[in-house]
Amino acid sequence: MLKTISQEVDVFDSSLHQLLDDMYETMITNNGVGLAGIQVGVSKRILLVNIPREDQKQYKEDLFEIINPRIVEKSGEIYFTEGCLSVPDFYEDVLRFEHIKIVYQDRYGKQQTLEAKGYLAVAIQHEMDHLEGILFVDRLSILKRKKFEKELRRIQKERQKK
């Protein structure tokens, strides 16, 4: 399912609002900084990002609910160590744009623009990849990907033993 390309959202109603609220709870409960609809089985172009502050806590007022996003500007490069709720316990450096500008809709369908850099830009790009059926491990070199596949097989064997 994670390889599914998500579809545009065209209805901005109470069921969408409930989905966004549920996704937020799922993300926070699992100590995530981002979550895409496809990660909860909904193939819609929806993502959440909530970057922790300097005190390492996440505050709901910092939450971005991003629907139907498009990158309209991008610049610079940054390597950032990424992990993913869909790929637990695996972290690797991924090359991303350091600065992006996106247009998107909020939970009410209102057009928004956001300029992001650093951690926020990386998190948004990571979640936007999910909307295209791309996992961060798909962006790794062949050598790093082999390392991931080996680690994944080890984890799967451990789970089978339990």
Protein backbone atom coordinates (compact mmCIF):
# COMPACT_ATOMS: atom_id res chain seq x y z
CA MET A 1 0.00 0.00 0.00
CA LEU A 2 2.88 2.40 0.76
CA LYS A 3 3.81 2.33 -2.93
CA THR A 4 0.37 3.70 -3.90
CA ILE A 5 0.24 7.17 -5.43
CA SER A 6 -2.22 9.25 -3.42
CA GLN A 7 -5.19 11.04 -4.98
CA GLU A 8 -6.16 14.71 -4.65
CA VAL A 9 -8.55 15.70 -1.88
CA ASP A 10 -11.62 17.48 -3.25
CA VAL A 11 -14.03 17.28 -0.32
CA PHE A 12 -13.17 19.32 2.78
CA ASP A 13 -15.78 18.18 5.29
CA SER A 14 -16.12 16.90 8.84
CA SER A 15 -14.89 13.42 7.88
CA LEU A 16 -11.66 14.97 6.57
CA HIS A 17 -11.34 16.96 9.79
CA GLN A 18 -11.81 13.77 11.83
CA LEU A 19 -9.18 12.00 9.72
CA LEU A 20 -6.72 14.86 10.31
CA ASP A 21 -7.41 14.76 14.07
CA ASP A 22 -6.96 10.96 14.14
CA MET A 23 -3.74 11.21 12.12
CA TYR A 24 -2.39 13.76 14.60
CA GLU A 25 -3.10 11.42 17.52
CA THR A 26 -1.44 8.51 15.67
CA MET A 27 1.62 10.61 14.85
CA ILE A 28 2.07 11.90 18.39
CA THR A 29 1.40 8.51 20.00
CA ASN A 30 4.15 7.01 17.82
CA ASN A 31 6.64 9.86 18.43
CA GLY A 32 6.56 10.97 14.80
CA VAL A 33 7.19 14.41 13.38
CA GLY A 34 5.24 13.70 10.21
CA LEU A 35 2.58 11.39 8.85
CA ALA A 36 1.02 10.93 5.43
CA GLY A 37 -2.47 9.65 4.76
CA ILE A 38 -1.17 6.53 3.02
CA GLN A 39 0.60 5.52 6.24
CA VAL A 40 -2.82 5.10 7.87
CA GLY A 41 -4.35 3.40 4.84
CA VAL A 42 -5.87 6.51 3.22
CA SER A 43 -4.53 7.17 -0.29
CA LYS A 44 -5.31 10.88 -0.28
CA ARG A 45 -2.82 13.74 -0.66
CA ILE A 46 -2.78 14.59 3.05
CA LEU A 47 0.17 15.02 5.36
CA LEU A 48 0.95 16.36 8.79
CA VAL A 49 4.21 17.81 10.09
CA ASN A 50 4.91 18.92 13.66
CA ILE A 51 8.56 19.75 14.34
CA PRO A 52 9.67 19.67 17.99
CA ARG A 53 10.81 22.94 19.54
CA GLU A 54 14.17 23.44 21.24
CA ASP A 55 12.78 21.79 24.40
CA GLN A 56 12.21 18.66 22.21
CA LYS A 57 8.44 18.87 22.75
CA GLN A 58 5.82 19.13 20.04
CA TYR A 59 3.07 21.71 20.36
CA LYS A 60 -0.18 21.40 18.47
CA GLU A 61 -0.09 25.09 17.53
CA ASP A 62 3.04 24.26 15.46
CA LEU A 63 1.19 21.58 13.48
CA PHE A 64 0.99 21.90 9.71
CA GLU A 65 -1.96 20.14 8.08
CA ILE A 66 -1.00 20.04 4.42
CA ILE A 67 -3.44 18.92 1.74
CA ASN A 68 -2.76 18.65 -2.00
CA PRO A 69 0.77 20.11 -1.71
CA ARG A 70 2.96 21.17 -4.61
CA ILE A 71 6.55 22.37 -4.45
CA VAL A 72 6.81 25.61 -6.41
CA GLU A 73 10.38 26.60 -5.48
CA LYS A 74 13.37 24.63 -4.25
CA SER A 75 17.02 25.42 -3.62
CA GLY A 76 20.14 24.25 -1.84
CA GLU A 77 21.01 20.78 -0.64
CA ILE A 78 21.14 19.25 2.81
CA TYR A 79 21.89 15.75 4.08
CA PHE A 80 19.59 14.87 6.92
CA THR A 81 19.33 11.70 8.99
CA GLU A 82 15.83 10.41 8.39
CA GLY A 83 13.68 7.71 9.92
CA CYS A 84 10.10 6.74 9.25
CA LEU A 85 7.16 5.40 11.23
CA SER A 86 6.64 2.90 8.37
CA VAL A 87 10.28 1.74 8.55
CA PRO A 88 10.89 1.50 12.31
CA ASP A 89 14.38 1.46 13.82
CA PHE A 90 16.23 2.36 10.61
CA TYR A 91 17.86 5.74 10.08
CA GLU A 92 20.01 6.98 7.24
CA ASP A 93 21.24 10.21 5.69
CA VAL A 94 19.15 11.38 2.73
CA LEU A 95 19.90 14.26 0.37
CA ARG A 96 17.08 16.81 0.21
CA PHE A 97 16.50 20.40 -0.84
CA GLU A 98 17.44 22.75 1.99
CA HIS A 99 14.76 25.32 1.14
CA ILE A 100 11.34 24.76 -0.41
CA LYS A 101 8.23 26.78 -1.06
CA ILE A 102 4.96 24.89 -1.30
CA VAL A 103 1.38 25.73 -2.08
CA TYR A 104 -1.30 23.61 -0.45
CA GLN A 105 -4.78 23.65 1.02
CA ASP A 106 -5.67 23.66 4.70
CA ARG A 107 -8.40 21.55 6.33
CA TYR A 108 -11.04 23.98 5.02
CA GLY A 109 -9.77 23.95 1.42
CA LYS A 110 -8.23 27.42 1.67
CA GLN A 111 -5.10 27.93 -0.47
CA GLN A 112 -1.92 28.44 1.59
CA THR A 113 1.75 29.09 0.87
CA LEU A 114 4.61 27.95 3.08
CA GLU A 115 8.34 28.57 2.83
CA ALA A 116 10.39 26.05 4.79
CA LYS A 117 14.06 25.41 5.37
CA GLY A 118 16.15 22.87 7.24
CA TYR A 119 14.33 20.30 9.34
CA LEU A 120 10.85 21.52 8.37
CA ALA A 121 11.72 21.43 4.65
CA VAL A 122 13.15 17.91 5.00
CA ALA A 123 10.11 16.64 6.92
CA ILE A 124 7.71 18.06 4.33
CA GLN A 125 9.68 16.51 1.45
CA HIS A 126 9.78 13.16 3.28
CA GLU A 127 6.00 13.18 3.73
CA MET A 128 5.38 14.44 0.18
CA ASP A 129 7.40 11.45 -1.07
CA HIS A 130 4.85 9.20 0.66
CA LEU A 131 2.14 10.81 -1.49
CA GLU A 132 4.06 9.58 -4.56
CA GLY A 133 4.60 6.07 -3.19
CA ILE A 134 8.25 6.74 -2.34
CA LEU A 135 9.90 5.72 0.94
CA PHE A 136 13.08 7.40 2.15
CA VAL A 137 14.94 4.12 1.67
CA ASP A 138 14.14 4.38 -2.05
CA ARG A 139 16.42 7.44 -2.13
CA LEU A 140 19.44 5.60 -0.70
CA SER A 141 22.49 4.42 -2.60
CA ILE A 142 22.57 0.75 -3.57
CA LEU A 143 25.04 -0.01 -0.78
CA LYS A 144 22.93 1.71 1.88
CA ARG A 145 19.79 0.08 0.51
CA LYS A 146 21.40 -3.37 0.84
CA LYS A 147 22.21 -2.49 4.47
CA PHE A 148 18.55 -1.60 5.00
CA GLU A 149 17.31 -4.83 3.37
CA LYS A 150 19.66 -6.89 5.56
CA GLU A 151 18.45 -5.07 8.69
CA LEU A 152 14.81 -5.52 7.62
CA ARG A 153 15.30 -9.30 7.20
CA ARG A 154 16.90 -9.46 10.68
CA ILE A 155 13.97 -7.58 12.24
CA GLN A 156 11.43 -9.80 10.46
CA LYS A 157 13.20 -12.94 11.75
CA GLU A 158 13.16 -11.57 15.31
CA ARG A 159 9.43 -10.86 15.06
CA GLN A 160 8.72 -14.39 13.80
CA LYS A 161 10.47 -15.84 16.85
CA LYS A 162 8.15 -13.95 19.23
